[in-house]
Amino acid sequence: MKIKYALLFLLMCTFSFAQTVFYEGNDPISKEKPNKFKLLGFTHFELSTPLKFNPEREDEDADNENQSWFIPDGLNAKFGYGIHYEEAITLSVHSGIEWEITDKLVVAPVFGNINFSPFISDDAKIGLQFGYGKAFVLGRGHLQGMYKRFALSLEAGDGFGIFAEVVQYRMNYNGNDRITNLNLGVSYRLF
């Protein structure tokens, strides 16, 4: 029985064939047609602060030195991953955490984001972003609602950028059915 298996193994080995070919110049086997439409992945990070109107600005009796129109009112951190076409059009999924001091609100948004960012020079882009998804309030029971985001950004060629965004939560919180914020921040996109 062992002899039959040995002969079968020897017979299989004699029919195998290997060949190594070396080409100089262009390899005719590996020529591929160029793909004109490539979708590649990227990662996006954002850090921003919500701004609120300064209530003490109009108070002339108060002896305050803070005469700015807006004051910071929390901190937001978001990240996302998605696909892009030539770094000009992106489609991504984002999540993060948004903390607002005045409203005593901590929100975890999960949203899809589309970004149009054409080059305005060799190393700068201007971007328009629109995001839509769900907002989950942390620490307030089952409070959740819709999340909308519109942003305008200016991005350098190395991925760093600054942006201004308007964020709206549509949920019933403290008698309001909508909460809208203006945020300013920095972002980094890693292609």
N, C-alpha and C. Protein backbone atom coordinates (compact mmCIF):
# COMPACT_ATOMS: atom_id res chain seq x y z
N MET A 1 0.82 -1.19 0.00
CA MET A 1 0.00 0.00 0.00
C MET A 1 0.87 1.26 0.00
N LYS A 2 1.98 1.20 0.77
CA LYS A 2 2.87 2.34 0.82
C LYS A 2 3.53 2.57 -0.53
N ILE A 3 3.76 1.51 -1.25
CA ILE A 3 4.41 1.64 -2.56
C ILE A 3 3.45 2.33 -3.54
N LYS A 4 2.16 2.03 -3.46
CA LYS A 4 1.19 2.67 -4.35
C LYS A 4 1.14 4.18 -4.10
N TYR A 5 1.14 4.59 -2.83
CA TYR A 5 1.12 6.02 -2.51
C TYR A 5 2.41 6.70 -2.94
N ALA A 6 3.52 6.00 -2.77
CA ALA A 6 4.80 6.56 -3.19
C ALA A 6 4.84 6.74 -4.70
N LEU A 7 4.33 5.75 -5.47
CA LEU A 7 4.29 5.86 -6.93
C LEU A 7 3.33 6.96 -7.37
N LEU A 8 2.22 7.09 -6.71
CA LEU A 8 1.27 8.16 -7.04
C LEU A 8 1.89 9.54 -6.76
N PHE A 9 2.59 9.68 -5.67
CA PHE A 9 3.26 10.94 -5.35
C PHE A 9 4.35 11.24 -6.38
N LEU A 10 5.13 10.23 -6.77
CA LEU A 10 6.18 10.40 -7.77
C LEU A 10 5.59 10.77 -9.12
N LEU A 11 4.47 10.16 -9.48
CA LEU A 11 3.80 10.45 -10.74
C LEU A 11 3.28 11.90 -10.76
N MET A 12 2.74 12.38 -9.64
CA MET A 12 2.24 13.75 -9.55
C MET A 12 3.40 14.74 -9.66
N CYS A 13 4.52 14.41 -9.07
CA CYS A 13 5.67 15.31 -9.10
C CYS A 13 6.27 15.41 -10.50
N THR A 14 6.20 14.35 -11.29
CA THR A 14 6.79 14.40 -12.63
C THR A 14 5.96 15.24 -13.58
N PHE A 15 4.69 15.42 -13.31
CA PHE A 15 3.86 16.25 -14.20
C PHE A 15 3.87 17.73 -13.82
N SER A 16 4.47 18.09 -12.70
CA SER A 16 4.52 19.50 -12.33
C SER A 16 5.63 20.18 -13.12
N PHE A 17 5.48 21.49 -13.33
CA PHE A 17 6.40 22.25 -14.16
C PHE A 17 6.52 23.66 -13.61
N ALA A 18 7.73 24.16 -13.53
CA ALA A 18 7.96 25.52 -13.07
C ALA A 18 8.92 26.21 -14.02
N GLN A 19 8.71 27.51 -14.19
CA GLN A 19 9.56 28.27 -15.09
C GLN A 19 9.71 29.69 -14.56
N THR A 20 10.91 30.23 -14.65
CA THR A 20 11.18 31.61 -14.26
C THR A 20 11.63 32.36 -15.50
N VAL A 21 10.95 33.48 -15.76
CA VAL A 21 11.26 34.28 -16.93
C VAL A 21 11.62 35.68 -16.46
N PHE A 22 12.72 36.21 -16.98
CA PHE A 22 13.15 37.56 -16.64
C PHE A 22 12.98 38.44 -17.86
N TYR A 23 12.33 39.59 -17.67
CA TYR A 23 12.12 40.55 -18.75
C TYR A 23 12.93 41.79 -18.46
N GLU A 24 13.47 42.35 -19.48
CA GLU A 24 14.12 43.64 -19.37
C GLU A 24 13.22 44.66 -20.03
N GLY A 25 12.94 45.75 -19.34
CA GLY A 25 12.04 46.76 -19.90
C GLY A 25 10.63 46.53 -19.41
N ASN A 26 9.68 46.68 -20.30
CA ASN A 26 8.26 46.54 -19.94
C ASN A 26 7.88 45.08 -19.84
N ASP A 27 7.17 44.77 -18.78
CA ASP A 27 6.70 43.41 -18.56
C ASP A 27 5.36 43.26 -19.27
N PRO A 28 5.26 42.41 -20.30
CA PRO A 28 3.99 42.31 -21.04
C PRO A 28 2.88 41.64 -20.24
N ILE A 29 3.22 40.91 -19.20
CA ILE A 29 2.20 40.20 -18.43
C ILE A 29 1.49 41.15 -17.47
N SER A 30 2.24 42.06 -16.86
CA SER A 30 1.64 42.89 -15.81
C SER A 30 1.07 44.20 -16.33
N LYS A 31 0.89 44.35 -17.62
CA LYS A 31 0.29 45.58 -18.13
C LYS A 31 -1.19 45.59 -17.77
N GLU A 32 -1.57 46.64 -17.08
CA GLU A 32 -2.97 46.80 -16.69
C GLU A 32 -3.50 48.08 -17.28
N LYS A 33 -4.77 48.07 -17.53
CA LYS A 33 -5.40 49.28 -18.01
C LYS A 33 -5.53 50.24 -16.84
N PRO A 34 -5.22 51.51 -17.05
CA PRO A 34 -5.34 52.46 -15.93
C PRO A 34 -6.80 52.67 -15.54
N ASN A 35 -7.03 52.67 -14.24
CA ASN A 35 -8.37 52.90 -13.71
C ASN A 35 -8.55 54.39 -13.53
N LYS A 36 -9.48 54.96 -14.24
CA LYS A 36 -9.68 56.40 -14.18
C LYS A 36 -10.49 56.82 -12.95
N PHE A 37 -11.17 55.92 -12.33
CA PHE A 37 -12.02 56.25 -11.18
C PHE A 37 -11.55 55.44 -9.99
N LYS A 38 -10.71 56.05 -9.13
CA LYS A 38 -10.19 55.37 -7.96
C LYS A 38 -10.80 55.96 -6.71
N LEU A 39 -11.32 55.12 -5.86
CA LEU A 39 -11.83 55.53 -4.55
C LEU A 39 -10.85 55.04 -3.50
N LEU A 40 -10.33 55.95 -2.71
CA LEU A 40 -9.35 55.62 -1.69
C LEU A 40 -9.87 56.05 -0.33
N GLY A 41 -9.36 55.43 0.71
CA GLY A 41 -9.81 55.73 2.07
C GLY A 41 -9.06 56.90 2.69
N PHE A 42 -9.67 57.52 3.69
CA PHE A 42 -9.04 58.60 4.45
C PHE A 42 -9.62 58.61 5.85
N THR A 43 -8.92 59.31 6.75
CA THR A 43 -9.35 59.49 8.13
C THR A 43 -9.40 60.99 8.41
N HIS A 44 -10.41 61.41 9.18
CA HIS A 44 -10.63 62.82 9.44
C HIS A 44 -10.79 63.03 10.95
N PHE A 45 -10.09 64.03 11.50
CA PHE A 45 -10.17 64.38 12.91
C PHE A 45 -10.55 65.85 13.02
N GLU A 46 -11.38 66.19 14.00
CA GLU A 46 -11.81 67.57 14.22
C GLU A 46 -11.82 67.88 15.71
N LEU A 47 -11.44 69.10 16.03
CA LEU A 47 -11.53 69.62 17.39
C LEU A 47 -12.08 71.03 17.28
N SER A 48 -13.19 71.30 17.96
CA SER A 48 -13.83 72.62 17.82
C SER A 48 -14.45 73.04 19.15
N THR A 49 -14.89 74.29 19.17
CA THR A 49 -15.57 74.81 20.34
C THR A 49 -16.85 75.51 19.91
N PRO A 50 -17.96 75.26 20.60
CA PRO A 50 -19.19 76.00 20.32
C PRO A 50 -19.07 77.43 20.85
N LEU A 51 -19.65 78.35 20.12
CA LEU A 51 -19.62 79.75 20.54
C LEU A 51 -21.04 80.20 20.88
N LYS A 52 -21.16 80.95 21.96
CA LYS A 52 -22.44 81.53 22.38
C LYS A 52 -22.30 83.05 22.40
N PHE A 53 -23.41 83.73 22.20
CA PHE A 53 -23.42 85.18 22.27
C PHE A 53 -23.09 85.61 23.69
N ASN A 54 -22.22 86.59 23.85
CA ASN A 54 -21.79 87.07 25.16
C ASN A 54 -22.91 87.91 25.78
N PRO A 55 -23.57 87.46 26.85
CA PRO A 55 -24.68 88.23 27.43
C PRO A 55 -24.21 89.50 28.17
N GLU A 56 -22.93 89.56 28.54
CA GLU A 56 -22.43 90.71 29.27
C GLU A 56 -21.92 91.81 28.35
N ARG A 57 -21.96 91.60 27.07
CA ARG A 57 -21.44 92.60 26.14
C ARG A 57 -22.28 93.87 26.14
N GLU A 58 -23.59 93.72 26.23
CA GLU A 58 -24.49 94.87 26.17
C GLU A 58 -24.66 95.56 27.51
N ASP A 59 -24.20 94.94 28.59
CA ASP A 59 -24.36 95.50 29.93
C ASP A 59 -23.33 96.59 30.15
N GLU A 60 -23.76 97.84 30.12
CA GLU A 60 -22.84 98.97 30.26
C GLU A 60 -22.48 99.23 31.72
N ASP A 61 -23.31 98.78 32.65
CA ASP A 61 -23.04 99.01 34.07
C ASP A 61 -21.95 98.08 34.60
N ALA A 62 -21.82 96.92 33.98
CA ALA A 62 -20.83 95.95 34.46
C ALA A 62 -19.43 96.42 34.09
N ASP A 63 -18.52 96.23 35.02
CA ASP A 63 -17.13 96.62 34.77
C ASP A 63 -16.36 95.38 34.31
N ASN A 64 -16.69 94.92 33.13
CA ASN A 64 -16.02 93.74 32.61
C ASN A 64 -15.14 94.14 31.43
N GLU A 65 -14.10 93.38 31.26
CA GLU A 65 -13.20 93.65 30.16
C GLU A 65 -13.45 92.72 28.99
N ASN A 66 -14.38 91.83 29.12
CA ASN A 66 -14.69 90.89 28.05
C ASN A 66 -15.77 91.52 27.17
N GLN A 67 -15.37 92.21 26.13
CA GLN A 67 -16.30 92.87 25.23
C GLN A 67 -16.42 92.12 23.90
N SER A 68 -16.03 90.86 23.85
CA SER A 68 -16.13 90.11 22.60
C SER A 68 -17.59 89.72 22.34
N TRP A 69 -17.90 89.53 21.09
CA TRP A 69 -19.27 89.18 20.71
C TRP A 69 -19.63 87.76 21.15
N PHE A 70 -18.69 86.85 21.01
CA PHE A 70 -18.95 85.45 21.32
C PHE A 70 -17.95 84.95 22.36
N ILE A 71 -18.39 83.97 23.16
CA ILE A 71 -17.52 83.32 24.13
C ILE A 71 -17.59 81.81 23.92
N PRO A 72 -16.50 81.08 24.22
CA PRO A 72 -16.52 79.61 24.09
C PRO A 72 -17.51 78.99 25.07
N ASP A 73 -18.14 77.91 24.64
CA ASP A 73 -19.17 77.29 25.46
C ASP A 73 -19.08 75.77 25.42
N GLY A 74 -17.89 75.22 25.44
CA GLY A 74 -17.75 73.78 25.46
C GLY A 74 -16.62 73.31 24.59
N LEU A 75 -16.65 72.03 24.26
CA LEU A 75 -15.60 71.43 23.46
C LEU A 75 -16.19 70.27 22.66
N ASN A 76 -15.78 70.15 21.40
CA ASN A 76 -16.24 69.07 20.53
C ASN A 76 -15.04 68.33 19.96
N ALA A 77 -15.13 67.03 19.88
CA ALA A 77 -14.11 66.21 19.24
C ALA A 77 -14.82 65.17 18.39
N LYS A 78 -14.45 65.13 17.10
CA LYS A 78 -15.08 64.19 16.17
C LYS A 78 -14.03 63.52 15.32
N PHE A 79 -14.33 62.32 14.87
CA PHE A 79 -13.45 61.61 13.95
C PHE A 79 -14.32 60.90 12.93
N GLY A 80 -13.72 60.60 11.80
CA GLY A 80 -14.47 59.92 10.76
C GLY A 80 -13.56 59.16 9.82
N TYR A 81 -14.16 58.26 9.10
CA TYR A 81 -13.44 57.47 8.10
C TYR A 81 -14.32 57.37 6.87
N GLY A 82 -13.71 57.47 5.71
CA GLY A 82 -14.50 57.40 4.50
C GLY A 82 -13.67 57.20 3.25
N ILE A 83 -14.31 57.45 2.12
CA ILE A 83 -13.65 57.31 0.82
C ILE A 83 -13.61 58.67 0.15
N HIS A 84 -12.65 58.82 -0.76
CA HIS A 84 -12.53 60.10 -1.47
C HIS A 84 -12.19 59.84 -2.92
N TYR A 85 -12.51 60.82 -3.73
CA TYR A 85 -12.14 60.82 -5.13
C TYR A 85 -11.24 62.01 -5.38
N GLU A 86 -9.97 61.76 -5.60
CA GLU A 86 -8.95 62.78 -5.86
C GLU A 86 -8.92 63.88 -4.81
N GLU A 87 -9.23 63.54 -3.58
CA GLU A 87 -9.22 64.45 -2.43
C GLU A 87 -10.17 65.64 -2.59
N ALA A 88 -11.01 65.63 -3.61
CA ALA A 88 -11.92 66.74 -3.85
C ALA A 88 -13.34 66.43 -3.40
N ILE A 89 -13.75 65.19 -3.51
CA ILE A 89 -15.10 64.78 -3.08
C ILE A 89 -14.92 63.64 -2.09
N THR A 90 -15.50 63.81 -0.90
CA THR A 90 -15.38 62.77 0.12
C THR A 90 -16.76 62.37 0.63
N LEU A 91 -16.86 61.14 1.00
CA LEU A 91 -18.07 60.58 1.61
C LEU A 91 -17.59 59.79 2.82
N SER A 92 -18.09 60.14 4.01
CA SER A 92 -17.54 59.53 5.22
C SER A 92 -18.60 59.35 6.29
N VAL A 93 -18.24 58.56 7.29
CA VAL A 93 -19.07 58.32 8.47
C VAL A 93 -18.30 58.87 9.66
N HIS A 94 -18.95 59.69 10.47
CA HIS A 94 -18.30 60.36 11.60
C HIS A 94 -19.02 60.04 12.90
N SER A 95 -18.27 60.18 13.99
CA SER A 95 -18.82 60.09 15.33
C SER A 95 -17.94 60.93 16.24
N GLY A 96 -18.34 61.09 17.45
CA GLY A 96 -17.54 61.87 18.38
C GLY A 96 -18.33 62.23 19.61
N ILE A 97 -17.92 63.31 20.24
CA ILE A 97 -18.61 63.78 21.44
C ILE A 97 -18.62 65.30 21.41
N GLU A 98 -19.74 65.88 21.78
CA GLU A 98 -19.91 67.33 21.80
C GLU A 98 -20.44 67.73 23.17
N TRP A 99 -19.74 68.63 23.83
CA TRP A 99 -20.08 69.06 25.18
C TRP A 99 -20.43 70.54 25.13
N GLU A 100 -21.60 70.89 25.66
CA GLU A 100 -22.06 72.27 25.73
C GLU A 100 -22.31 72.64 27.18
N ILE A 101 -21.66 73.69 27.63
CA ILE A 101 -21.72 74.08 29.04
C ILE A 101 -23.06 74.72 29.39
N THR A 102 -23.50 75.71 28.60
CA THR A 102 -24.72 76.45 28.93
C THR A 102 -25.94 75.55 28.95
N ASP A 103 -26.08 74.70 27.95
CA ASP A 103 -27.24 73.81 27.87
C ASP A 103 -27.09 72.57 28.74
N LYS A 104 -25.93 72.39 29.37
CA LYS A 104 -25.64 71.20 30.18
C LYS A 104 -25.96 69.94 29.39
N LEU A 105 -25.31 69.84 28.26
CA LEU A 105 -25.64 68.80 27.29
C LEU A 105 -24.36 68.13 26.80
N VAL A 106 -24.35 66.81 26.78
CA VAL A 106 -23.27 66.03 26.18
C VAL A 106 -23.92 65.14 25.13
N VAL A 107 -23.50 65.31 23.89
CA VAL A 107 -24.13 64.63 22.76
C VAL A 107 -23.08 63.78 22.05
N ALA A 108 -23.49 62.59 21.63
CA ALA A 108 -22.66 61.72 20.80
C ALA A 108 -23.33 61.59 19.44
N PRO A 109 -22.90 62.39 18.45
CA PRO A 109 -23.51 62.29 17.13
C PRO A 109 -22.89 61.16 16.30
N VAL A 110 -23.71 60.55 15.49
CA VAL A 110 -23.27 59.57 14.49
C VAL A 110 -23.91 60.01 13.19
N PHE A 111 -23.08 60.38 12.22
CA PHE A 111 -23.64 60.99 11.01
C PHE A 111 -22.79 60.70 9.78
N GLY A 112 -23.45 60.76 8.65
CA GLY A 112 -22.76 60.69 7.37
C GLY A 112 -22.41 62.09 6.92
N ASN A 113 -21.29 62.22 6.24
CA ASN A 113 -20.80 63.54 5.84
C ASN A 113 -20.36 63.49 4.38
N ILE A 114 -20.75 64.49 3.62
CA ILE A 114 -20.27 64.64 2.25
C ILE A 114 -19.56 65.97 2.16
N ASN A 115 -18.41 65.98 1.48
CA ASN A 115 -17.55 67.15 1.43
C ASN A 115 -17.14 67.41 -0.02
N PHE A 116 -17.30 68.64 -0.45
CA PHE A 116 -16.80 69.09 -1.75
C PHE A 116 -15.69 70.09 -1.47
N SER A 117 -14.47 69.76 -1.85
CA SER A 117 -13.35 70.65 -1.54
C SER A 117 -12.40 70.76 -2.73
N PRO A 118 -12.70 71.66 -3.64
CA PRO A 118 -11.81 71.85 -4.78
C PRO A 118 -10.58 72.67 -4.38
N PHE A 119 -9.49 72.47 -5.12
CA PHE A 119 -8.26 73.22 -4.89
C PHE A 119 -8.46 74.65 -5.38
N ILE A 120 -8.06 75.63 -4.56
CA ILE A 120 -8.10 77.02 -4.99
C ILE A 120 -6.70 77.52 -5.32
N SER A 121 -5.68 76.77 -4.93
CA SER A 121 -4.30 77.01 -5.32
C SER A 121 -3.58 75.67 -5.28
N ASP A 122 -2.26 75.69 -5.44
CA ASP A 122 -1.53 74.42 -5.47
C ASP A 122 -1.58 73.67 -4.15
N ASP A 123 -1.67 74.39 -3.05
CA ASP A 123 -1.66 73.72 -1.75
C ASP A 123 -2.76 74.18 -0.81
N ALA A 124 -3.86 74.67 -1.33
CA ALA A 124 -4.98 75.09 -0.47
C ALA A 124 -6.31 74.69 -1.11
N LYS A 125 -7.24 74.29 -0.25
CA LYS A 125 -8.58 73.90 -0.69
C LYS A 125 -9.61 74.65 0.14
N ILE A 126 -10.74 74.90 -0.46
CA ILE A 126 -11.89 75.42 0.27
C ILE A 126 -12.95 74.33 0.22
N GLY A 127 -13.60 74.09 1.33
CA GLY A 127 -14.53 72.97 1.39
C GLY A 127 -15.90 73.33 1.90
N LEU A 128 -16.89 72.67 1.35
CA LEU A 128 -18.27 72.75 1.82
C LEU A 128 -18.67 71.36 2.28
N GLN A 129 -19.17 71.26 3.49
CA GLN A 129 -19.55 69.97 4.05
C GLN A 129 -21.00 69.99 4.50
N PHE A 130 -21.63 68.84 4.33
CA PHE A 130 -22.99 68.67 4.84
C PHE A 130 -23.05 67.31 5.52
N GLY A 131 -23.53 67.30 6.76
CA GLY A 131 -23.66 66.06 7.52
C GLY A 131 -25.09 65.88 8.02
N TYR A 132 -25.52 64.64 8.07
CA TYR A 132 -26.87 64.33 8.53
C TYR A 132 -26.85 62.98 9.23
N GLY A 133 -27.48 62.91 10.41
CA GLY A 133 -27.49 61.65 11.13
C GLY A 133 -28.30 61.73 12.40
N LYS A 134 -27.87 60.96 13.41
CA LYS A 134 -28.55 60.87 14.70
C LYS A 134 -27.67 61.44 15.79
N ALA A 135 -28.30 62.07 16.78
CA ALA A 135 -27.62 62.59 17.95
C ALA A 135 -28.17 61.89 19.18
N PHE A 136 -27.28 61.32 19.97
CA PHE A 136 -27.65 60.61 21.19
C PHE A 136 -27.14 61.42 22.39
N VAL A 137 -28.05 61.82 23.27
CA VAL A 137 -27.68 62.60 24.44
C VAL A 137 -27.24 61.64 25.53
N LEU A 138 -26.08 61.90 26.11
CA LEU A 138 -25.54 61.04 27.16
C LEU A 138 -25.99 61.55 28.52
N GLY A 139 -26.44 60.65 29.37
CA GLY A 139 -26.83 61.00 30.72
C GLY A 139 -28.22 61.58 30.86
N ARG A 140 -29.06 61.52 29.84
CA ARG A 140 -30.41 62.08 29.91
C ARG A 140 -31.46 61.04 29.51
N GLY A 141 -31.23 59.81 29.86
CA GLY A 141 -32.20 58.77 29.52
C GLY A 141 -32.08 58.38 28.05
N HIS A 142 -33.22 58.26 27.39
CA HIS A 142 -33.25 57.84 26.00
C HIS A 142 -33.44 59.02 25.05
N LEU A 143 -32.94 60.17 25.42
CA LEU A 143 -33.12 61.36 24.59
C LEU A 143 -32.21 61.27 23.36
N GLN A 144 -32.82 61.38 22.20
CA GLN A 144 -32.10 61.35 20.94
C GLN A 144 -32.88 62.14 19.91
N GLY A 145 -32.22 62.46 18.82
CA GLY A 145 -32.88 63.23 17.78
C GLY A 145 -32.03 63.29 16.52
N MET A 146 -32.47 64.12 15.60
CA MET A 146 -31.76 64.26 14.33
C MET A 146 -30.58 65.22 14.51
N TYR A 147 -29.57 65.04 13.69
CA TYR A 147 -28.35 65.85 13.73
C TYR A 147 -28.07 66.37 12.33
N LYS A 148 -27.91 67.68 12.20
CA LYS A 148 -27.55 68.29 10.92
C LYS A 148 -26.31 69.14 11.11
N ARG A 149 -25.51 69.19 10.06
CA ARG A 149 -24.26 69.93 10.14
C ARG A 149 -23.95 70.54 8.78
N PHE A 150 -23.59 71.81 8.79
CA PHE A 150 -23.12 72.48 7.58
C PHE A 150 -21.84 73.20 7.94
N ALA A 151 -20.77 72.99 7.16
CA ALA A 151 -19.47 73.57 7.50
C ALA A 151 -18.80 74.16 6.27
N LEU A 152 -18.02 75.20 6.52
CA LEU A 152 -17.19 75.84 5.52
C LEU A 152 -15.76 75.76 6.04
N SER A 153 -14.84 75.22 5.22
CA SER A 153 -13.48 75.00 5.71
C SER A 153 -12.45 75.52 4.72
N LEU A 154 -11.28 75.80 5.25
CA LEU A 154 -10.12 76.16 4.47
C LEU A 154 -9.02 75.21 4.89
N GLU A 155 -8.49 74.43 3.92
CA GLU A 155 -7.57 73.35 4.24
C GLU A 155 -6.28 73.52 3.47
N ALA A 156 -5.16 73.31 4.15
CA ALA A 156 -3.85 73.35 3.52
C ALA A 156 -3.58 72.01 2.82
N GLY A 157 -2.56 72.00 2.00
CA GLY A 157 -2.23 70.79 1.24
C GLY A 157 -1.78 69.63 2.10
N ASP A 158 -1.29 69.91 3.31
CA ASP A 158 -0.83 68.82 4.18
C ASP A 158 -1.93 68.22 5.03
N GLY A 159 -3.17 68.66 4.86
CA GLY A 159 -4.30 68.07 5.57
C GLY A 159 -4.83 68.88 6.73
N PHE A 160 -4.07 69.84 7.24
CA PHE A 160 -4.54 70.67 8.34
C PHE A 160 -5.47 71.75 7.81
N GLY A 161 -6.48 72.09 8.62
CA GLY A 161 -7.42 73.11 8.17
C GLY A 161 -8.14 73.76 9.34
N ILE A 162 -8.85 74.84 9.02
CA ILE A 162 -9.72 75.51 9.98
C ILE A 162 -11.12 75.51 9.38
N PHE A 163 -12.12 75.54 10.24
CA PHE A 163 -13.50 75.48 9.74
C PHE A 163 -14.44 76.22 10.68
N ALA A 164 -15.56 76.61 10.10
CA ALA A 164 -16.69 77.14 10.85
C ALA A 164 -17.88 76.29 10.49
N GLU A 165 -18.65 75.89 11.48
CA GLU A 165 -19.78 75.02 11.21
C GLU A 165 -21.00 75.45 11.99
N VAL A 166 -22.16 75.15 11.44
CA VAL A 166 -23.43 75.33 12.12
C VAL A 166 -24.00 73.93 12.36
N VAL A 167 -24.27 73.63 13.61
CA VAL A 167 -24.77 72.31 14.00
C VAL A 167 -26.16 72.48 14.60
N GLN A 168 -27.07 71.59 14.21
CA GLN A 168 -28.42 71.66 14.75
C GLN A 168 -28.84 70.27 15.23
N TYR A 169 -29.34 70.23 16.49
CA TYR A 169 -29.93 69.02 17.06
C TYR A 169 -31.44 69.23 17.04
N ARG A 170 -32.17 68.26 16.53
CA ARG A 170 -33.63 68.34 16.55
C ARG A 170 -34.14 67.32 17.57
N MET A 171 -34.34 67.81 18.78
CA MET A 171 -34.85 66.97 19.87
C MET A 171 -35.54 67.87 20.87
N ASN A 172 -36.40 67.32 21.65
CA ASN A 172 -37.12 68.10 22.65
C ASN A 172 -36.29 68.12 23.93
N TYR A 173 -35.62 69.27 24.17
CA TYR A 173 -34.76 69.41 25.34
C TYR A 173 -35.01 70.78 25.97
N ASN A 174 -35.39 70.80 27.22
CA ASN A 174 -35.69 72.04 27.97
C ASN A 174 -36.72 72.92 27.27
N GLY A 175 -37.72 72.32 26.69
CA GLY A 175 -38.78 73.06 26.04
C GLY A 175 -38.44 73.54 24.63
N ASN A 176 -37.26 73.27 24.15
CA ASN A 176 -36.87 73.64 22.79
C ASN A 176 -36.88 72.40 21.91
N ASP A 177 -37.39 72.54 20.69
CA ASP A 177 -37.36 71.38 19.80
C ASP A 177 -36.13 71.40 18.89
N ARG A 178 -35.36 72.51 18.91
CA ARG A 178 -34.13 72.60 18.13
C ARG A 178 -33.07 73.34 18.94
N ILE A 179 -31.85 72.84 18.86
CA ILE A 179 -30.71 73.50 19.47
C ILE A 179 -29.71 73.72 18.36
N THR A 180 -29.31 74.98 18.15
CA THR A 180 -28.40 75.32 17.06
C THR A 180 -27.15 75.97 17.64
N ASN A 181 -25.99 75.56 17.12
CA ASN A 181 -24.71 76.09 17.58
C ASN A 181 -23.86 76.53 16.41
N LEU A 182 -23.04 77.53 16.67
CA LEU A 182 -21.98 77.93 15.75
C LEU A 182 -20.67 77.48 16.36
N ASN A 183 -19.88 76.71 15.61
CA ASN A 183 -18.62 76.15 16.11
C ASN A 183 -17.47 76.62 15.25
N LEU A 184 -16.33 76.85 15.88
CA LEU A 184 -15.08 77.13 15.19
C LEU A 184 -14.06 76.09 15.61
N GLY A 185 -13.25 75.62 14.66
CA GLY A 185 -12.31 74.59 15.03
C GLY A 185 -11.23 74.34 14.02
N VAL A 186 -10.42 73.34 14.34
CA VAL A 186 -9.33 72.89 13.48
C VAL A 186 -9.59 71.44 13.10
N SER A 187 -9.06 71.05 11.93
CA SER A 187 -9.25 69.68 11.48
C SER A 187 -7.97 69.15 10.86
N TYR A 188 -7.90 67.84 10.78
CA TYR A 188 -6.78 67.17 10.10
C TYR A 188 -7.35 66.00 9.32
N ARG A 189 -7.02 65.98 8.05
CA ARG A 189 -7.48 64.90 7.17
C ARG A 189 -6.26 64.14 6.67
N LEU A 190 -6.23 62.84 6.91
CA LEU A 190 -5.11 61.99 6.55
C LEU A 190 -5.51 61.12 5.37
N PHE A 191 -4.98 61.43 4.20
CA PHE A 191 -5.29 60.66 2.98
C PHE A 191 -4.31 59.52 2.81
